[in-house]
Amino acid sequence: MAIIDLDQGRRPSHNGFTDNSELATQDAKDILIVNEVERWNPFGDGGISVIHVSVGVSSPESLSRLESTLKTLSPPTGNSEPSPKGVLPLGVPDEQEVVQLRAQLLVEISKQVVQVPRHEVGLLLFIPSKPGHLVRSDILEIRLTDLADAALKSAASALFISSNAVLDPAALGREFENRLSFPIIQPGQRPRKTLALVGSVRKPLVGLGFFRAARALNIGIVQLDRPNHWTSTPEYASWVEAQLPIDRTPDDGLASRIVDAIKGYNKPVEGLVSFFEPLQVGTARAAKELGLPAPPASAFEIATDKQRTSAFQGNAAYRVSSLKEALETVEQHPQLSYPLIVKPCSGRGSEGVFRLDNEADLVQAFDSIDFSRHGAEVVIEPFCDGPEVDANLVLSDGELLFFETSDDLPKDADAASKQDGDLQTFIELANVMPSALPHDEVEILKNSLHQSLVRLGFRTGFYHLQARVQRSRAKYVTNLDGITDLASNDLIEATVEPSAWLLEINARPPGLQESWASRSTYGIDFWGSSAALRPGRPERHGTSPFASV
């Protein structure tokens, strides 16, 4: 038997409690009785123990006292204000915030005890078994998302057990080993680091994942962006340590403007990064001048240029800037036999990407590309008709820490260049995770794409790549019910070796769908990996997927 230990200390006045909350929470603490039911310590050096406890009251008098205490703790009617939508979740808590969190957990336990018929609740408590700090403050929230038993409800560093739940200790133990089998507790205190971010997303909702991760990793963000960016408004100012307005035009002077802004900041900055492709070359050059860790600018110069990316892989990719030059290039190079692909060298979002089945398609494509938006240069190259995939890779000093791939369903232009006289596009339609390609083809993709990144000079960071499998033993087939999925490709001989056909490299995480799906499936936060691997010495512990992966 044990009594919940709530450290004493003054909480911030804005926590919603009345002034006598300290005395009231002390009363609640003394009323509750805790019994240990079971204990797990399956994580080895992970540093976390899990304890199953029951919490209740010993008598009707204690229950009456608890109900009175809860009334004291409740905020006055009509006086509670909703949290501003610009407020991020709690990051690495200080001493006062730890006390507040413990008080909030105690209040939630007390409410549960009062509400359930037996006036007793079960909890799973996660207790550090050695000194140190969590790899990130919300790691339990991430790793325990969608835990198999729906009867478990998260609260602080505890899980409430439904009153009608029947727990299988062996199954729970296996689940904990799967999700938490890596060093969750790291030695010492987590140092505060500062990461300078050049350019940000247009909307706060899209950027929430990155800013939330930075907060949980105790990384302060210095934002370099246009004046009056949304992070400079009062509503979201707390998301960043400082807002440094700059001219972010992606020209030859960008690196110098970044360097001047950071030097003028006059505070330590341990890392510099941009997740917006047009700004990455200038950002890398600035990092080199400032002596900050970053991939070489030469790697970004290739990765952000579709023609140079394809030529780097050894493909017959030619840069042209006019229709006349395109027609002459196709005529002069036998490797460029239809079907072909034409796309802007610096395009994004699959805009202006067309399949060409003949010369008439090439003429029509040049009329369709928005050169004012994507620049005057395009690349012409052979069309690879194998299944397309998205691949996500996490690297630390050249070592591949994590890889996953998912299938992109066929685009309109995969079937034919035109429909009713209009050119078809390669705009993404749907993405299916994980990939259903044969295992050996997934391994080919993993090894080939990893080596491509390292050869370019990308050794540390998060990378989102798009590729196809040339001569794949799988192809897309639509059945009689109208469902399209991968099936065996009987046209490919068993002796023909498939190979990876790299389409593009993005030194950033993918979109929201993939990022959040992979977080739930593998326990890895892509934006957290991007932040943790950037400033100073890279941290790799948060990039370990579930043990079952």
Protein backbone atom coordinates (compact mmCIF):
# COMPACT_ATOMS: atom_id res chain seq x y z
CA MET A 1 0.00 0.00 0.00
CA ALA A 2 1.17 3.52 -0.73
CA ILE A 3 -0.08 7.07 -0.68
CA ILE A 4 0.35 9.13 -3.86
CA ASP A 5 3.25 11.50 -3.31
CA LEU A 6 2.54 14.98 -4.63
CA ASP A 7 5.56 17.30 -4.30
CA GLN A 8 4.68 20.59 -2.72
CA GLY A 9 5.35 23.88 -4.46
CA ARG A 10 3.46 26.88 -5.74
CA ARG A 11 1.73 26.42 -9.07
CA PRO A 12 1.27 29.24 -11.60
CA SER A 13 -1.82 31.31 -10.88
CA HIS A 14 -3.22 30.70 -14.38
CA ASN A 15 -3.85 26.98 -13.89
CA GLY A 16 -7.59 27.36 -13.30
CA PHE A 17 -7.51 26.35 -9.61
CA THR A 18 -8.69 28.55 -6.77
CA ASP A 19 -6.16 30.09 -4.40
CA ASN A 20 -6.46 27.30 -1.81
CA SER A 21 -5.74 24.58 -4.39
CA GLU A 22 -2.49 23.50 -2.70
CA LEU A 23 -4.27 22.68 0.55
CA ALA A 24 -7.13 21.02 -1.33
CA THR A 25 -4.90 18.81 -3.45
CA GLN A 26 -3.02 17.83 -0.27
CA ASP A 27 -6.40 16.79 1.21
CA ALA A 28 -7.16 14.71 -1.89
CA LYS A 29 -3.74 13.10 -1.71
CA ASP A 30 -4.25 12.06 1.92
CA ILE A 31 -7.71 10.61 1.20
CA LEU A 32 -6.74 8.33 -1.71
CA ILE A 33 -5.35 4.86 -1.03
CA VAL A 34 -3.16 3.15 -3.62
CA ASN A 35 -2.52 -0.59 -3.92
CA GLU A 36 0.01 -2.09 -6.29
CA VAL A 37 -1.48 -4.91 -8.40
CA GLU A 38 1.31 -5.77 -10.79
CA ARG A 39 4.64 -4.44 -12.01
CA TRP A 40 6.45 -4.73 -15.34
CA ASN A 41 10.07 -3.88 -15.98
CA PRO A 42 10.49 -5.28 -19.48
CA PHE A 43 12.63 -2.57 -21.02
CA GLY A 44 16.13 -3.43 -19.82
CA ASP A 45 18.11 -0.22 -20.10
CA GLY A 46 15.06 1.69 -21.29
CA GLY A 47 14.71 3.25 -17.83
CA ILE A 48 10.91 2.96 -17.45
CA SER A 49 8.89 0.67 -15.18
CA VAL A 50 5.14 0.14 -15.54
CA ILE A 51 3.08 -0.36 -12.39
CA HIS A 52 -0.57 -1.44 -12.36
CA VAL A 53 -2.24 0.11 -9.32
CA SER A 54 -5.74 0.44 -7.94
CA VAL A 55 -6.78 3.74 -6.38
CA GLY A 56 -9.78 4.17 -4.12
CA VAL A 57 -11.13 5.42 -0.79
CA SER A 58 -11.32 3.49 2.45
CA SER A 59 -14.72 4.63 3.74
CA PRO A 60 -17.89 6.62 2.92
CA GLU A 61 -16.48 9.45 5.01
CA SER A 62 -13.38 9.56 2.82
CA LEU A 63 -15.56 9.62 -0.28
CA SER A 64 -17.53 12.57 1.12
CA ARG A 65 -14.29 14.43 1.88
CA LEU A 66 -13.04 13.73 -1.65
CA GLU A 67 -16.21 15.11 -3.22
CA SER A 68 -15.87 18.28 -1.15
CA THR A 69 -12.23 18.61 -2.14
CA LEU A 70 -13.11 18.35 -5.84
CA LYS A 71 -15.62 21.16 -5.50
CA THR A 72 -12.85 23.29 -4.02
CA LEU A 73 -10.55 22.44 -6.90
CA SER A 74 -13.08 23.18 -9.64
CA PRO A 75 -12.73 26.58 -11.37
CA PRO A 76 -15.52 29.08 -10.69
CA THR A 77 -18.48 28.75 -13.06
CA GLY A 78 -18.13 30.90 -16.16
CA ASN A 79 -14.60 31.93 -15.24
CA SER A 80 -12.65 29.38 -17.29
CA GLU A 81 -11.27 30.71 -20.54
CA PRO A 82 -10.51 28.48 -23.53
CA SER A 83 -6.82 28.10 -24.33
CA PRO A 84 -5.73 30.27 -27.27
CA LYS A 85 -5.37 28.16 -30.41
CA GLY A 86 -1.81 29.41 -30.74
CA VAL A 87 -0.75 27.66 -27.52
CA LEU A 88 1.48 24.64 -28.07
CA PRO A 89 1.24 21.53 -25.86
CA LEU A 90 3.57 21.45 -22.88
CA GLY A 91 7.17 20.72 -23.80
CA VAL A 92 9.96 19.93 -21.34
CA PRO A 93 8.35 20.98 -18.02
CA ASP A 94 10.10 23.04 -15.40
CA GLU A 95 9.77 22.37 -11.68
CA GLN A 96 6.58 24.38 -11.31
CA GLU A 97 4.99 22.69 -14.31
CA VAL A 98 5.89 19.24 -12.93
CA VAL A 99 4.01 20.09 -9.77
CA GLN A 100 1.06 21.32 -11.79
CA LEU A 101 0.98 18.16 -13.90
CA ARG A 102 1.00 16.01 -10.79
CA ALA A 103 -1.84 18.06 -9.35
CA GLN A 104 -3.85 17.70 -12.56
CA LEU A 105 -3.31 13.93 -12.55
CA LEU A 106 -4.43 13.76 -8.93
CA VAL A 107 -7.59 15.72 -9.74
CA GLU A 108 -8.37 13.40 -12.68
CA ILE A 109 -7.85 10.33 -10.47
CA SER A 110 -10.14 11.84 -7.83
CA LYS A 111 -12.86 12.54 -10.39
CA GLN A 112 -12.70 8.98 -11.68
CA VAL A 113 -12.90 7.55 -8.15
CA VAL A 114 -15.98 9.63 -7.37
CA GLN A 115 -17.75 8.81 -10.64
CA VAL A 116 -17.33 5.02 -10.93
CA PRO A 117 -19.81 2.84 -9.00
CA ARG A 118 -17.17 0.95 -6.97
CA HIS A 119 -15.25 4.17 -6.22
CA GLU A 120 -12.01 2.49 -7.26
CA VAL A 121 -10.06 2.92 -10.47
CA GLY A 122 -7.15 1.12 -12.04
CA LEU A 123 -4.14 2.87 -13.54
CA LEU A 124 -0.96 2.00 -15.31
CA LEU A 125 1.77 4.32 -14.04
CA PHE A 126 5.00 4.87 -15.97
CA ILE A 127 7.82 5.44 -13.51
CA PRO A 128 11.48 6.23 -14.31
CA SER A 129 13.78 3.55 -12.95
CA LYS A 130 16.95 5.61 -13.30
CA PRO A 131 17.89 9.31 -13.29
CA GLY A 132 18.01 11.28 -16.52
CA HIS A 133 15.60 12.82 -19.05
CA LEU A 134 13.08 11.47 -21.55
CA VAL A 135 14.24 11.38 -25.17
CA ARG A 136 11.35 13.80 -25.69
CA SER A 137 8.74 14.97 -23.24
CA ASP A 138 5.80 13.44 -25.14
CA ILE A 139 7.44 10.12 -26.03
CA LEU A 140 4.88 8.07 -24.08
CA GLU A 141 2.03 9.81 -25.88
CA ILE A 142 3.62 8.94 -29.24
CA ARG A 143 4.60 5.36 -28.47
CA LEU A 144 1.32 4.43 -26.74
CA THR A 145 -0.97 5.90 -29.38
CA ASP A 146 -3.68 3.39 -30.39
CA LEU A 147 -2.61 0.88 -27.77
CA ALA A 148 -4.53 -2.30 -28.53
CA ASP A 149 -6.73 -2.24 -25.41
CA ALA A 150 -9.38 0.40 -26.07
CA ALA A 151 -10.16 0.42 -22.35
CA LEU A 152 -7.00 2.39 -21.63
CA LYS A 153 -7.37 6.17 -21.43
CA SER A 154 -4.30 8.40 -21.41
CA ALA A 155 -3.70 11.02 -18.73
CA ALA A 156 -0.28 12.56 -17.97
CA SER A 157 2.17 9.66 -17.52
CA ALA A 158 -0.63 7.26 -16.67
CA LEU A 159 -3.27 5.18 -18.41
CA PHE A 160 -6.69 4.80 -16.82
CA ILE A 161 -8.21 1.33 -17.02
CA SER A 162 -11.92 1.09 -17.71
CA SER A 163 -13.92 -0.36 -14.80
CA ASN A 164 -15.22 -3.23 -16.96
CA ALA A 165 -11.90 -4.03 -18.63
CA VAL A 166 -10.17 -7.38 -18.28
CA LEU A 167 -6.43 -6.92 -18.74
CA ASP A 168 -4.18 -9.65 -20.05
CA PRO A 169 -0.87 -9.00 -18.24
CA ALA A 170 1.15 -11.13 -20.65
CA ALA A 171 -0.30 -9.38 -23.71
CA LEU A 172 0.26 -5.97 -22.13
CA GLY A 173 3.83 -6.87 -21.32
CA ARG A 174 4.47 -7.88 -24.93
CA GLU A 175 2.90 -4.66 -26.17
CA PHE A 176 5.06 -2.55 -23.86
CA GLU A 177 8.19 -4.39 -24.97
CA ASN A 178 7.24 -3.75 -28.59
CA ARG A 179 6.58 -0.05 -28.14
CA LEU A 180 9.13 0.99 -25.51
CA SER A 181 12.14 -1.26 -26.15
CA PHE A 182 14.74 1.46 -26.60
CA PRO A 183 16.56 3.82 -24.21
CA ILE A 184 13.71 6.16 -23.28
CA ILE A 185 15.66 7.70 -20.41
CA GLN A 186 18.91 9.42 -21.35
CA PRO A 187 21.59 10.48 -18.82
CA GLY A 188 21.65 13.96 -17.31
CA GLN A 189 19.44 16.92 -18.13
CA ARG A 190 18.33 17.68 -21.66
CA PRO A 191 20.33 20.68 -22.89
CA ARG A 192 18.51 23.58 -24.43
CA LYS A 193 19.36 24.02 -28.13
CA THR A 194 18.34 26.56 -30.72
CA LEU A 195 17.53 25.77 -34.34
CA ALA A 196 17.20 28.49 -36.97
CA LEU A 197 14.44 27.70 -39.48
CA VAL A 198 14.55 29.45 -42.86
CA GLY A 199 11.07 29.69 -44.33
CA SER A 200 8.02 28.06 -42.80
CA VAL A 201 4.69 26.66 -43.86
CA ARG A 202 1.86 28.96 -44.84
CA LYS A 203 -0.60 27.77 -42.20
CA PRO A 204 -0.13 27.05 -38.47
CA LEU A 205 -1.99 23.72 -38.66
CA VAL A 206 0.52 22.34 -41.16
CA GLY A 207 3.45 23.51 -39.03
CA LEU A 208 2.06 22.17 -35.76
CA GLY A 209 3.92 18.86 -36.03
CA PHE A 210 7.34 20.52 -36.30
CA PHE A 211 6.80 23.15 -33.61
CA ARG A 212 5.26 20.57 -31.26
CA ALA A 213 8.27 18.28 -31.76
CA ALA A 214 10.73 21.09 -31.17
CA ARG A 215 8.99 21.99 -27.92
CA ALA A 216 9.10 18.35 -26.77
CA LEU A 217 12.82 18.14 -27.60
CA ASN A 218 13.64 21.38 -25.74
CA ILE A 219 14.68 23.01 -29.02
CA GLY A 220 13.98 26.70 -29.43
CA ILE A 221 13.11 27.89 -32.94
CA VAL A 222 14.40 31.11 -34.45
CA GLN A 223 12.27 31.81 -37.51
CA LEU A 224 13.79 33.54 -40.55
CA ASP A 225 11.01 34.51 -42.92
CA ARG A 226 9.21 37.38 -44.59
CA PRO A 227 8.13 40.28 -42.39
CA ASN A 228 4.68 39.81 -40.85
CA HIS A 229 4.84 36.01 -41.11
CA TRP A 230 2.14 34.30 -39.03
CA THR A 231 4.73 33.29 -36.38
CA SER A 232 5.27 37.00 -35.69
CA THR A 233 1.62 37.58 -34.71
CA PRO A 234 0.71 37.70 -30.98
CA GLU A 235 -1.40 34.57 -31.36
CA TYR A 236 1.57 32.39 -32.39
CA ALA A 237 4.57 34.34 -31.10
CA SER A 238 5.15 31.77 -28.34
CA TRP A 239 5.90 29.12 -30.96
CA VAL A 240 9.29 30.71 -31.69
CA GLU A 241 12.06 32.27 -29.63
CA ALA A 242 12.56 35.03 -32.18
CA GLN A 243 11.28 36.13 -35.58
CA LEU A 244 14.03 37.47 -37.84
CA PRO A 245 12.53 39.11 -40.94
CA ILE A 246 14.59 38.61 -44.12
CA ASP A 247 14.21 38.85 -47.86
CA ARG A 248 13.92 35.12 -48.68
CA THR A 249 14.13 35.49 -52.47
CA PRO A 250 16.08 32.38 -53.61
CA ASP A 251 18.88 34.27 -55.36
CA ASP A 252 22.67 34.36 -54.98
CA GLY A 253 22.39 36.79 -52.07
CA LEU A 254 20.16 34.58 -49.88
CA ALA A 255 23.03 32.95 -48.01
CA SER A 256 24.55 36.32 -47.08
CA ARG A 257 21.20 37.62 -45.83
CA ILE A 258 20.75 34.52 -43.65
CA VAL A 259 24.27 34.88 -42.23
CA ASP A 260 23.73 38.57 -41.46
CA ALA A 261 20.41 37.86 -39.73
CA ILE A 262 21.83 35.12 -37.49
CA LYS A 263 24.95 37.10 -36.62
CA GLY A 264 22.72 40.07 -35.76
CA TYR A 265 20.68 37.83 -33.45
CA ASN A 266 23.65 37.75 -31.04
CA LYS A 267 22.54 34.54 -29.32
CA PRO A 268 23.82 30.98 -29.76
CA VAL A 269 22.34 28.97 -32.63
CA GLU A 270 23.30 25.29 -32.91
CA GLY A 271 21.59 24.40 -36.18
CA LEU A 272 20.21 25.85 -39.41
CA VAL A 273 17.66 24.21 -41.69
CA SER A 274 15.03 24.85 -44.35
CA PHE A 275 12.32 22.42 -45.43
CA PHE A 276 11.34 24.55 -48.44
CA GLU A 277 13.25 23.35 -51.52
CA PRO A 278 13.89 26.74 -53.20
CA LEU A 279 15.62 27.98 -50.02
CA GLN A 280 17.75 24.92 -49.25
CA VAL A 281 20.82 25.73 -51.36
CA GLY A 282 21.15 29.20 -49.83
CA THR A 283 20.53 27.79 -46.35
CA ALA A 284 23.27 25.16 -46.77
CA ARG A 285 25.74 27.80 -47.95
CA ALA A 286 24.91 29.97 -44.95
CA ALA A 287 25.36 27.01 -42.59
CA LYS A 288 28.83 26.38 -43.98
CA GLU A 289 29.83 30.01 -43.52
CA LEU A 290 28.50 29.98 -39.95
CA GLY A 291 30.21 26.67 -39.13
CA LEU A 292 26.90 24.91 -38.43
CA PRO A 293 26.23 21.24 -39.27
CA ALA A 294 24.36 20.78 -42.56
CA PRO A 295 24.61 18.75 -45.77
CA PRO A 296 26.77 20.34 -48.46
CA ALA A 297 25.17 22.89 -50.77
CA SER A 298 26.24 20.72 -53.72
CA ALA A 299 23.85 17.98 -52.54
CA PHE A 300 20.91 20.41 -52.52
CA GLU A 301 21.93 21.84 -55.90
CA ILE A 302 21.35 18.37 -57.40
CA ALA A 303 18.39 17.33 -55.26
CA THR A 304 16.37 20.49 -56.02
CA ASP A 305 16.98 20.21 -59.78
CA LYS A 306 15.03 17.41 -61.52
CA GLN A 307 17.39 17.23 -64.51
CA ARG A 308 20.51 17.03 -62.37
CA THR A 309 18.89 14.45 -60.09
CA SER A 310 18.06 12.18 -63.01
CA ALA A 311 21.46 12.65 -64.68
CA PHE A 312 23.15 11.90 -61.35
CA GLN A 313 21.44 8.50 -61.46
CA GLY A 314 22.80 7.87 -64.97
CA ASN A 315 19.52 8.41 -66.82
CA ALA A 316 19.29 10.04 -70.25
CA ALA A 317 17.95 13.36 -68.96
CA TYR A 318 18.32 16.52 -71.06
CA ARG A 319 17.74 20.15 -70.08
CA VAL A 320 15.94 22.37 -72.62
CA SER A 321 14.40 25.82 -72.48
CA SER A 322 12.31 26.04 -75.65
CA LEU A 323 10.10 23.89 -77.82
CA LYS A 324 12.56 24.15 -80.70
CA GLU A 325 15.39 22.91 -78.48
CA ALA A 326 13.19 20.08 -77.15
CA LEU A 327 12.31 18.84 -80.65
CA GLU A 328 15.94 18.94 -81.71
CA THR A 329 17.09 17.12 -78.56
CA VAL A 330 14.62 14.26 -79.06
CA GLU A 331 15.66 13.95 -82.71
CA GLN A 332 19.39 13.92 -81.90
CA HIS A 333 19.41 11.41 -79.02
CA PRO A 334 18.26 7.82 -79.76
CA GLN A 335 17.84 7.16 -76.01
CA LEU A 336 14.87 9.53 -76.08
CA SER A 337 12.29 7.28 -77.68
CA TYR A 338 8.61 7.71 -76.87
CA PRO A 339 7.02 7.48 -74.37
CA LEU A 340 8.90 10.30 -72.66
CA ILE A 341 8.44 12.55 -69.63
CA VAL A 342 8.72 16.34 -69.62
CA LYS A 343 8.70 18.32 -66.38
CA PRO A 344 10.05 21.60 -64.96
CA CYS A 345 13.56 21.33 -63.54
CA SER A 346 12.50 23.14 -60.38
CA GLY A 347 8.85 22.16 -60.24
CA ARG A 348 7.02 20.72 -57.25
CA GLY A 349 3.72 19.07 -56.51
CA SER A 350 3.80 17.19 -59.85
CA GLU A 351 2.74 20.39 -61.59
CA GLY A 352 3.66 20.60 -65.26
CA VAL A 353 4.65 16.91 -65.48
CA PHE A 354 3.37 15.25 -68.65
CA ARG A 355 3.75 11.96 -70.46
CA LEU A 356 4.57 12.25 -74.16
CA ASP A 357 3.58 9.46 -76.52
CA ASN A 358 4.50 11.37 -79.67
CA GLU A 359 5.77 14.69 -81.01
CA ALA A 360 2.29 16.24 -80.94
CA ASP A 361 2.17 15.62 -77.18
CA LEU A 362 5.51 17.40 -76.79
CA VAL A 363 4.18 20.48 -78.60
CA GLN A 364 1.02 20.48 -76.48
CA ALA A 365 3.01 20.05 -73.26
CA PHE A 366 5.02 23.21 -73.92
CA ASP A 367 1.75 25.09 -74.32
CA SER A 368 0.51 23.69 -70.99
CA ILE A 369 3.48 24.27 -68.67
CA ASP A 370 3.34 27.44 -66.57
CA PHE A 371 6.89 28.69 -67.16
CA SER A 372 6.28 31.86 -65.16
CA ARG A 373 5.64 29.71 -62.08
CA HIS A 374 8.26 26.99 -62.51
CA GLY A 375 11.06 28.64 -64.49
CA ALA A 376 12.12 28.44 -68.13
CA GLU A 377 13.99 25.12 -68.02
CA VAL A 378 12.47 21.66 -68.31
CA VAL A 379 13.91 18.16 -68.44
CA ILE A 380 13.06 15.52 -71.04
CA GLU A 381 13.80 11.90 -70.16
CA PRO A 382 12.50 8.35 -70.76
CA PHE A 383 9.30 7.28 -69.04
CA CYS A 384 9.60 4.45 -66.51
CA ASP A 385 6.28 2.61 -66.39
CA GLY A 386 6.96 0.62 -63.19
CA PRO A 387 4.91 1.11 -60.01
CA GLU A 388 5.65 4.35 -58.17
CA VAL A 389 6.43 4.60 -54.46
CA ASP A 390 7.07 7.15 -51.76
CA ALA A 391 10.05 6.32 -49.54
CA ASN A 392 11.00 7.85 -46.20
CA LEU A 393 14.54 7.47 -44.86
CA VAL A 394 16.21 8.63 -41.64
CA LEU A 395 20.02 8.82 -41.69
CA SER A 396 22.59 9.56 -39.01
CA ASP A 397 26.20 9.91 -40.15
CA GLY A 398 25.41 7.82 -43.22
CA GLU A 399 23.77 4.99 -41.29
CA LEU A 400 20.20 4.15 -42.26
CA LEU A 401 18.13 4.24 -39.07
CA PHE A 402 14.66 3.90 -40.57
CA PHE A 403 13.11 3.12 -43.95
CA GLU A 404 9.54 2.75 -45.09
CA THR A 405 7.88 2.77 -48.48
CA SER A 406 4.29 3.16 -49.62
CA ASP A 407 2.53 2.71 -52.94
CA ASP A 408 1.27 5.57 -55.09
CA LEU A 409 -1.75 4.43 -57.06
CA PRO A 410 -1.49 4.92 -60.83
CA LYS A 411 -1.83 8.50 -62.04
CA ASP A 412 -4.02 9.46 -64.99
CA ALA A 413 -0.98 9.71 -67.28
CA ASP A 414 0.27 6.22 -66.38
CA ALA A 415 -2.30 4.72 -68.75
CA ALA A 416 -2.00 7.14 -71.68
CA SER A 417 -0.78 10.64 -72.45
CA LYS A 418 -4.20 11.97 -73.47
CA GLN A 419 -7.88 11.62 -72.82
CA ASP A 420 -10.38 13.39 -75.08
CA GLY A 421 -7.49 15.38 -76.53
CA ASP A 422 -6.26 16.72 -73.16
CA LEU A 423 -2.87 15.80 -71.75
CA GLN A 424 -3.09 13.66 -68.63
CA THR A 425 -1.12 14.60 -65.51
CA PHE A 426 0.83 12.88 -62.74
CA ILE A 427 -0.97 14.67 -59.91
CA GLU A 428 -1.12 12.22 -56.97
CA LEU A 429 -4.45 10.49 -56.49
CA ALA A 430 -3.97 8.18 -53.49
CA ASN A 431 -1.26 6.60 -51.38
CA VAL A 432 -1.42 3.16 -49.74
CA MET A 433 0.77 2.19 -46.79
CA PRO A 434 2.80 0.03 -46.46
CA SER A 435 3.96 -1.03 -49.92
CA ALA A 436 2.65 -4.29 -51.35
CA LEU A 437 5.62 -4.69 -53.70
CA PRO A 438 7.58 -7.96 -53.49
CA HIS A 439 9.97 -7.99 -50.54
CA ASP A 440 13.07 -8.17 -52.73
CA GLU A 441 11.96 -5.07 -54.66
CA VAL A 442 11.45 -3.14 -51.40
CA GLU A 443 14.98 -4.15 -50.40
CA ILE A 444 16.30 -2.98 -53.78
CA LEU A 445 14.61 0.38 -53.23
CA LYS A 446 15.96 0.67 -49.68
CA ASN A 447 19.56 -0.08 -50.63
CA SER A 448 19.58 1.94 -53.85
CA LEU A 449 17.92 5.05 -52.42
CA HIS A 450 20.08 4.97 -49.31
CA GLN A 451 23.25 4.81 -51.39
CA SER A 452 22.03 7.60 -53.66
CA LEU A 453 21.60 9.90 -50.67
CA VAL A 454 25.04 9.09 -49.26
CA ARG A 455 26.74 9.54 -52.65
CA LEU A 456 25.14 12.96 -52.95
CA GLY A 457 26.45 13.99 -49.53
CA PHE A 458 23.25 13.58 -47.48
CA ARG A 459 24.48 11.75 -44.38
CA THR A 460 22.23 12.99 -41.57
CA GLY A 461 18.58 14.00 -41.61
CA PHE A 462 15.13 13.01 -42.83
CA TYR A 463 14.54 12.45 -46.54
CA HIS A 464 11.34 11.89 -48.49
CA LEU A 465 11.98 10.35 -51.92
CA GLN A 466 9.85 9.33 -54.87
CA ALA A 467 10.86 6.49 -57.13
CA ARG A 468 9.61 3.78 -59.48
CA VAL A 469 10.63 0.16 -59.85
CA GLN A 470 11.89 -0.55 -63.34
CA ARG A 471 11.10 -4.07 -64.62
CA SER A 472 8.96 -4.74 -61.54
CA ARG A 473 7.34 -8.14 -61.11
CA ALA A 474 4.20 -6.32 -59.97
CA LYS A 475 1.77 -4.16 -61.90
CA TYR A 476 -1.53 -2.44 -61.26
CA VAL A 477 -4.67 -4.24 -62.33
CA THR A 478 -8.29 -3.12 -62.02
CA ASN A 479 -10.63 -6.04 -61.25
CA LEU A 480 -14.26 -6.50 -62.19
CA ASP A 481 -15.36 -4.61 -59.06
CA GLY A 482 -13.40 -1.56 -60.16
CA ILE A 483 -10.73 -1.97 -57.46
CA THR A 484 -7.16 -1.17 -58.53
CA ASP A 485 -4.32 -2.95 -56.78
CA LEU A 486 -0.94 -4.54 -57.39
CA ALA A 487 -0.84 -7.97 -58.99
CA SER A 488 1.78 -10.23 -60.53
CA ASN A 489 3.31 -8.90 -63.74
CA ASP A 490 3.50 -11.93 -66.04
CA LEU A 491 5.15 -9.90 -68.81
CA ILE A 492 8.42 -9.71 -66.85
CA GLU A 493 10.63 -12.77 -67.05
CA ALA A 494 11.81 -14.19 -63.73
CA THR A 495 15.43 -13.79 -64.81
CA VAL A 496 15.11 -10.02 -65.36
CA GLU A 497 16.36 -8.02 -62.40
CA PRO A 498 14.24 -5.07 -61.18
CA SER A 499 15.96 -1.80 -60.30
CA ALA A 500 15.15 1.49 -58.57
CA TRP A 501 14.39 4.52 -60.74
CA LEU A 502 14.81 7.64 -58.60
CA LEU A 503 12.38 10.44 -59.45
CA GLU A 504 13.04 13.12 -56.84
CA ILE A 505 14.64 13.85 -53.48
CA ASN A 506 13.04 16.02 -50.81
CA ALA A 507 15.13 16.82 -47.73
CA ARG A 508 12.06 17.07 -45.52
CA PRO A 509 9.21 14.91 -44.18
CA PRO A 510 6.22 14.06 -46.40
CA GLY A 511 2.71 15.49 -46.12
CA LEU A 512 0.36 15.23 -43.17
CA GLN A 513 -1.23 11.91 -44.18
CA GLU A 514 2.01 9.96 -44.34
CA SER A 515 3.59 11.70 -41.38
CA TRP A 516 0.73 11.04 -38.96
CA ALA A 517 0.02 7.52 -40.25
CA SER A 518 3.64 6.49 -39.77
CA ARG A 519 3.73 8.07 -36.32
CA SER A 520 0.86 5.80 -35.24
CA THR A 521 2.11 2.72 -37.10
CA TYR A 522 5.82 2.80 -36.27
CA GLY A 523 6.05 5.14 -33.29
CA ILE A 524 8.30 7.58 -35.15
CA ASP A 525 7.51 11.26 -35.44
CA PHE A 526 8.97 12.41 -38.78
CA TRP A 527 9.06 16.08 -37.81
CA GLY A 528 10.67 15.19 -34.50
CA SER A 529 13.37 13.24 -36.33
CA SER A 530 13.96 16.22 -38.60
CA ALA A 531 14.39 18.54 -35.63
CA ALA A 532 16.43 16.20 -33.43
CA LEU A 533 18.94 15.38 -36.17
CA ARG A 534 19.74 19.00 -36.99
CA PRO A 535 21.13 21.11 -34.13
CA GLY A 536 24.59 20.20 -32.87
CA ARG A 537 25.20 16.56 -32.07
CA PRO A 538 22.37 14.55 -33.67
CA GLU A 539 20.07 12.53 -31.42
CA ARG A 540 19.01 9.19 -32.86
CA HIS A 541 17.06 7.48 -30.06
CA GLY A 542 13.67 8.81 -31.13
CA THR A 543 14.09 7.26 -34.60
CA SER A 544 13.76 3.65 -33.36
CA PRO A 545 10.53 2.08 -34.68
CA PHE A 546 8.45 -0.42 -32.76
CA ALA A 547 10.42 -3.64 -32.17
CA SER A 548 7.92 -5.59 -34.30
CA VAL A 549 8.77 -3.55 -37.42
